[in-house]
Amino acid sequence: MTASDAVILEGHLSVRAAFEGKSRTIHRILVRGGRIGRVVRSIERLAAAAGVPVERVERDEVMQRVTGRTHGGIIAEAGPRRYAGLDALARDGGVPFVAMLDGFEDPFNYGQALRSLYAAGATGVVVAERDWESAAGTVARASAGASERLPLANTEAAEA
C-alpha cells in the first residue's frame, strides 16, 4: 500500500472504532509528537494488541494528511473498507434491524445517518454502490466512529 492508497482516519474516536469494528486493516498510527495522556495510551494499547506500529511525528506531517481540524493529533493509515454479506447483518440470531441508505451525496450527511442508525440499534446497513473511500475520514468523523463499527453490505455484493 502506498501513502496515496491509504485511507486516513482522523481522531481517536474514528481510530478506536476501526480497531473495535474490524472494518478495515490499520497499517499504522501517527501521533503528533508531544501528545500524551489517557487517550493516546489507550490507542497505543489497541495498536500494540493488533500489531500495528505507532509513530510519533511532527505536527506538519499530521496536518498534510488530514482534511479536518478535529483529529487531536491522532490519525491512522488504513486499508479499504470491508463489506459484510447480507446474512452477516442479522448477527446474534436475534431479530435484525437492517436499513438501506441510498442517494447520499454529502459525506457529512452520510456519516450522520450511519451514526443515527448505530445509536438506534441497527444490526447493519445496506448501502448503494458508491466509493466513499476518498471521504472515509470525513464519514468516520461525522459518524463519531459509528461508520467503522456498523456492519455494512453494499448492493453490488447483494446482487452477486
C-alpha atoms as a PDB file:
ATOM      1  CA  MET A   1       0.000   0.000   0.000  1.00  0.00           C
ATOM      2  CA  THR A   2       1.329   3.396  -0.903  1.00  0.00           C
ATOM      3  CA  ALA A   3       0.596   6.570   1.010  1.00  0.00           C
ATOM      4  CA  SER A   4      -1.702   7.697  -1.811  1.00  0.00           C
ATOM      5  CA  ASP A   5      -3.760   4.464  -1.485  1.00  0.00           C
ATOM      6  CA  ALA A   6      -4.188   4.830   2.266  1.00  0.00           C
ATOM      7  CA  VAL A   7      -7.453   5.836   3.838  1.00  0.00           C
ATOM      8  CA  ILE A   8      -6.774   8.345   6.596  1.00  0.00           C
ATOM      9  CA  LEU A   9      -8.945   8.063   9.692  1.00  0.00           C
ATOM     10  CA  GLU A  10      -8.776  11.184  11.808  1.00  0.00           C
ATOM     11  CA  GLY A  11      -9.150  11.414  15.560  1.00  0.00           C
ATOM     12  CA  HIS A  12      -9.163   8.921  18.392  1.00  0.00           C
ATOM     13  CA  LEU A  13     -12.874   8.063  18.067  1.00  0.00           C
ATOM     14  CA  SER A  14     -12.507   7.025  14.428  1.00  0.00           C
ATOM     15  CA  VAL A  15      -9.262   5.143  15.050  1.00  0.00           C
ATOM     16  CA  ARG A  16     -10.664   3.310  18.083  1.00  0.00           C
ATOM     17  CA  ALA A  17     -13.832   2.413  16.161  1.00  0.00           C
ATOM     18  CA  ALA A  18     -11.822   0.933  13.279  1.00  0.00           C
ATOM     19  CA  PHE A  19      -9.885  -1.267  15.709  1.00  0.00           C
ATOM     20  CA  GLU A  20     -13.014  -2.353  17.560  1.00  0.00           C
ATOM     21  CA  GLY A  21     -15.224  -2.773  14.476  1.00  0.00           C
ATOM     22  CA  LYS A  22     -12.524  -4.573  12.469  1.00  0.00           C
ATOM     23  CA  SER A  23     -13.929  -2.719   9.472  1.00  0.00           C
ATOM     24  CA  ARG A  24     -10.569  -2.296   7.752  1.00  0.00           C
ATOM     25  CA  THR A  25      -6.905  -3.148   8.153  1.00  0.00           C
ATOM     26  CA  ILE A  26      -4.979  -0.497  10.021  1.00  0.00           C
ATOM     27  CA  HIS A  27      -1.407  -0.192   8.803  1.00  0.00           C
ATOM     28  CA  ARG A  28      -0.019   2.398  11.210  1.00  0.00           C
ATOM     29  CA  ILE A  29      -0.985   5.072  13.693  1.00  0.00           C
ATOM     30  CA  LEU A  30       0.556   8.526  13.616  1.00  0.00           C
ATOM     31  CA  VAL A  31       0.526  10.593  16.801  1.00  0.00           C
ATOM     32  CA  ARG A  32       1.641  14.191  16.900  1.00  0.00           C
ATOM     33  CA  GLY A  33       4.856  14.360  18.919  1.00  0.00           C
ATOM     34  CA  GLY A  34       4.397  15.605  22.451  1.00  0.00           C
ATOM     35  CA  ARG A  35       0.803  14.348  22.607  1.00  0.00           C
ATOM     36  CA  ILE A  36       0.383  12.282  25.770  1.00  0.00           C
ATOM     37  CA  GLY A  37      -2.400  11.244  28.055  1.00  0.00           C
ATOM     38  CA  ARG A  38      -5.049   8.618  28.637  1.00  0.00           C
ATOM     39  CA  VAL A  39      -6.454   8.780  25.083  1.00  0.00           C
ATOM     40  CA  VAL A  40      -3.062   8.302  23.452  1.00  0.00           C
ATOM     41  CA  ARG A  41      -2.150   5.444  25.813  1.00  0.00           C
ATOM     42  CA  SER A  42      -5.466   3.767  25.033  1.00  0.00           C
ATOM     43  CA  ILE A  43      -4.843   3.966  21.270  1.00  0.00           C
ATOM     44  CA  GLU A  44      -1.290   2.705  21.783  1.00  0.00           C
ATOM     45  CA  ARG A  45      -2.635  -0.330  23.697  1.00  0.00           C
ATOM     46  CA  LEU A  46      -5.131  -1.133  20.923  1.00  0.00           C
ATOM     47  CA  ALA A  47      -2.385  -0.786  18.325  1.00  0.00           C
ATOM     48  CA  ALA A  48       0.026  -2.993  20.278  1.00  0.00           C
ATOM     49  CA  ALA A  49      -2.635  -5.700  20.677  1.00  0.00           C
ATOM     50  CA  ALA A  50      -3.226  -5.625  16.907  1.00  0.00           C
ATOM     51  CA  GLY A  51       0.479  -5.479  15.999  1.00  0.00           C
ATOM     52  CA  VAL A  52       0.098  -2.026  14.436  1.00  0.00           C
ATOM     53  CA  PRO A  53       3.057   0.358  14.717  1.00  0.00           C
ATOM     54  CA  VAL A  54       2.588   3.742  16.367  1.00  0.00           C
ATOM     55  CA  GLU A  55       4.851   6.531  15.192  1.00  0.00           C
ATOM     56  CA  ARG A  56       5.438   9.907  16.786  1.00  0.00           C
ATOM     57  CA  VAL A  57       5.575  12.546  14.061  1.00  0.00           C
ATOM     58  CA  GLU A  58       5.781  16.300  13.745  1.00  0.00           C
ATOM     59  CA  ARG A  59       2.613  18.391  13.577  1.00  0.00           C
ATOM     60  CA  ASP A  60       3.251  19.222   9.904  1.00  0.00           C
ATOM     61  CA  GLU A  61       3.192  15.545   8.903  1.00  0.00           C
ATOM     62  CA  VAL A  62      -0.197  15.093  10.559  1.00  0.00           C
ATOM     63  CA  MET A  63      -1.571  18.289   9.002  1.00  0.00           C
ATOM     64  CA  GLN A  64      -0.506  17.228   5.490  1.00  0.00           C
ATOM     65  CA  ARG A  65      -2.640  14.079   5.760  1.00  0.00           C
ATOM     66  CA  VAL A  66      -5.862  15.381   7.310  1.00  0.00           C
ATOM     67  CA  THR A  67      -8.858  17.213   5.916  1.00  0.00           C
ATOM     68  CA  GLY A  68     -10.384  18.384   9.193  1.00  0.00           C
ATOM     69  CA  ARG A  69      -9.215  20.117  12.333  1.00  0.00           C
ATOM     70  CA  THR A  70     -10.764  17.837  14.955  1.00  0.00           C
ATOM     71  CA  HIS A  71      -8.234  14.995  14.788  1.00  0.00           C
ATOM     72  CA  GLY A  72      -6.498  15.806  18.069  1.00  0.00           C
ATOM     73  CA  GLY A  73      -3.140  14.781  16.645  1.00  0.00           C
ATOM     74  CA  ILE A  74      -4.096  11.111  16.159  1.00  0.00           C
ATOM     75  CA  ILE A  75      -4.584   9.569  12.725  1.00  0.00           C
ATOM     76  CA  ALA A  76      -4.476   6.098  11.227  1.00  0.00           C
ATOM     77  CA  GLU A  77      -3.369   4.944   7.808  1.00  0.00           C
ATOM     78  CA  ALA A  78      -5.774   2.177   6.892  1.00  0.00           C
ATOM     79  CA  GLY A  79      -6.826  -0.006   4.011  1.00  0.00           C
ATOM     80  CA  PRO A  80     -10.165  -0.172   2.205  1.00  0.00           C
ATOM     81  CA  ARG A  81     -13.465  -0.838   3.948  1.00  0.00           C
ATOM     82  CA  ARG A  82     -14.513  -4.467   4.417  1.00  0.00           C
ATOM     83  CA  TYR A  83     -18.125  -5.107   3.475  1.00  0.00           C
ATOM     84  CA  ALA A  84     -20.181  -7.844   5.062  1.00  0.00           C
ATOM     85  CA  GLY A  85     -22.518 -10.218   3.294  1.00  0.00           C
ATOM     86  CA  LEU A  86     -26.226  -9.633   3.753  1.00  0.00           C
ATOM     87  CA  ASP A  87     -26.534 -12.669   6.019  1.00  0.00           C
ATOM     88  CA  ALA A  88     -23.934 -11.210   8.404  1.00  0.00           C
ATOM     89  CA  LEU A  89     -26.163  -8.184   9.052  1.00  0.00           C
ATOM     90  CA  ALA A  90     -28.539 -10.389  11.036  1.00  0.00           C
ATOM     91  CA  ARG A  91     -25.989 -11.144  13.756  1.00  0.00           C
ATOM     92  CA  ASP A  92     -26.525 -12.866  17.078  1.00  0.00           C
ATOM     93  CA  GLY A  93     -29.563 -14.783  15.859  1.00  0.00           C
ATOM     94  CA  GLY A  94     -31.908 -12.041  17.057  1.00  0.00           C
ATOM     95  CA  VAL A  95     -34.369 -10.019  15.042  1.00  0.00           C
ATOM     96  CA  PRO A  96     -32.295  -7.973  12.606  1.00  0.00           C
ATOM     97  CA  PHE A  97     -32.682  -4.241  12.228  1.00  0.00           C
ATOM     98  CA  VAL A  98     -31.236  -3.560   8.797  1.00  0.00           C
ATOM     99  CA  ALA A  99     -31.618  -0.270   6.955  1.00  0.00           C
ATOM    100  CA  MET A 100     -30.741   0.716   3.416  1.00  0.00           C
ATOM    101  CA  LEU A 101     -29.171   4.036   2.518  1.00  0.00           C
ATOM    102  CA  ASP A 102     -29.099   5.434  -0.989  1.00  0.00           C
ATOM    103  CA  GLY A 103     -28.803   8.813  -2.639  1.00  0.00           C
ATOM    104  CA  PHE A 104     -26.355  10.448  -0.251  1.00  0.00           C
ATOM    105  CA  GLU A 105     -24.008  12.908  -1.909  1.00  0.00           C
ATOM    106  CA  ASP A 106     -22.523  14.621   1.144  1.00  0.00           C
ATOM    107  CA  PRO A 107     -20.142  12.606   3.361  1.00  0.00           C
ATOM    108  CA  PHE A 108     -21.214  14.529   6.490  1.00  0.00           C
ATOM    109  CA  ASN A 109     -24.870  13.630   5.936  1.00  0.00           C
ATOM    110  CA  TYR A 110     -23.965  10.029   5.166  1.00  0.00           C
ATOM    111  CA  GLY A 111     -21.859   9.799   8.327  1.00  0.00           C
ATOM    112  CA  GLN A 112     -24.584  11.357  10.460  1.00  0.00           C
ATOM    113  CA  ALA A 113     -27.160   8.915   9.052  1.00  0.00           C
ATOM    114  CA  LEU A 114     -24.893   5.997   9.954  1.00  0.00           C
ATOM    115  CA  ARG A 115     -24.394   7.445  13.437  1.00  0.00           C
ATOM    116  CA  SER A 116     -28.160   7.715  13.951  1.00  0.00           C
ATOM    117  CA  LEU A 117     -28.749   4.151  12.760  1.00  0.00           C
ATOM    118  CA  TYR A 118     -25.995   2.853  15.034  1.00  0.00           C
ATOM    119  CA  ALA A 119     -27.463   4.714  18.004  1.00  0.00           C
ATOM    120  CA  ALA A 120     -30.914   3.320  17.179  1.00  0.00           C
ATOM    121  CA  GLY A 121     -29.546  -0.236  17.357  1.00  0.00           C
ATOM    122  CA  ALA A 122     -29.249  -1.170  13.693  1.00  0.00           C
ATOM    123  CA  THR A 123     -27.553  -4.533  13.184  1.00  0.00           C
ATOM    124  CA  GLY A 124     -26.328  -3.428   9.779  1.00  0.00           C
ATOM    125  CA  VAL A 125     -26.835  -1.161   6.814  1.00  0.00           C
ATOM    126  CA  VAL A 126     -27.058  -1.926   3.119  1.00  0.00           C
ATOM    127  CA  VAL A 127     -25.528   0.895   1.127  1.00  0.00           C
ATOM    128  CA  ALA A 128     -25.860   1.606  -2.560  1.00  0.00           C
ATOM    129  CA  GLU A 129     -22.769   1.068  -4.678  1.00  0.00           C
ATOM    130  CA  ARG A 130     -20.588   4.145  -4.192  1.00  0.00           C
ATOM    131  CA  ASP A 131     -16.934   4.716  -3.453  1.00  0.00           C
ATOM    132  CA  TRP A 132     -16.744   6.573  -0.136  1.00  0.00           C
ATOM    133  CA  GLU A 133     -13.074   5.677   0.416  1.00  0.00           C
ATOM    134  CA  SER A 134     -11.809   9.121  -0.573  1.00  0.00           C
ATOM    135  CA  ALA A 135     -14.108  10.603   2.101  1.00  0.00           C
ATOM    136  CA  ALA A 136     -13.708   7.815   4.694  1.00  0.00           C
ATOM    137  CA  GLY A 137     -12.075  10.156   7.205  1.00  0.00           C
ATOM    138  CA  THR A 138     -14.919  12.658   6.918  1.00  0.00           C
ATOM    139  CA  VAL A 139     -17.568   9.937   7.153  1.00  0.00           C
ATOM    140  CA  ALA A 140     -15.893   8.406  10.220  1.00  0.00           C
ATOM    141  CA  ARG A 141     -15.603  11.812  11.939  1.00  0.00           C
ATOM    142  CA  ALA A 142     -19.193  12.794  11.128  1.00  0.00           C
ATOM    143  CA  SER A 143     -20.442   9.467  12.464  1.00  0.00           C
ATOM    144  CA  ALA A 144     -18.274   9.655  15.622  1.00  0.00           C
ATOM    145  CA  GLY A 145     -16.797   6.312  14.543  1.00  0.00           C
ATOM    146  CA  ALA A 146     -20.146   4.564  14.018  1.00  0.00           C
ATOM    147  CA  SER A 147     -19.352   4.067  10.322  1.00  0.00           C
ATOM    148  CA  GLU A 148     -16.420   1.866  11.347  1.00  0.00           C
ATOM    149  CA  ARG A 149     -18.393  -0.122  13.931  1.00  0.00           C
ATOM    150  CA  LEU A 150     -21.581  -0.742  11.980  1.00  0.00           C
ATOM    151  CA  PRO A 151     -21.524  -3.706   9.570  1.00  0.00           C
ATOM    152  CA  LEU A 152     -22.135  -2.515   6.012  1.00  0.00           C
ATOM    153  CA  ALA A 153     -23.112  -4.527   2.961  1.00  0.00           C
ATOM    154  CA  ASN A 154     -23.286  -2.991  -0.485  1.00  0.00           C
ATOM    155  CA  THR A 155     -25.931  -3.533  -3.127  1.00  0.00           C
ATOM    156  CA  GLU A 156     -23.373  -4.807  -5.644  1.00  0.00           C
ATOM    157  CA  ALA A 157     -22.469  -7.701  -3.327  1.00  0.00           C
ATOM    158  CA  ALA A 158     -26.175  -8.335  -2.689  1.00  0.00           C
ATOM    159  CA  GLU A 159     -26.797  -8.800  -6.429  1.00  0.00           C
ATOM    160  CA  ALA A 160     -23.866 -11.214  -6.892  1.00  0.00           C
END
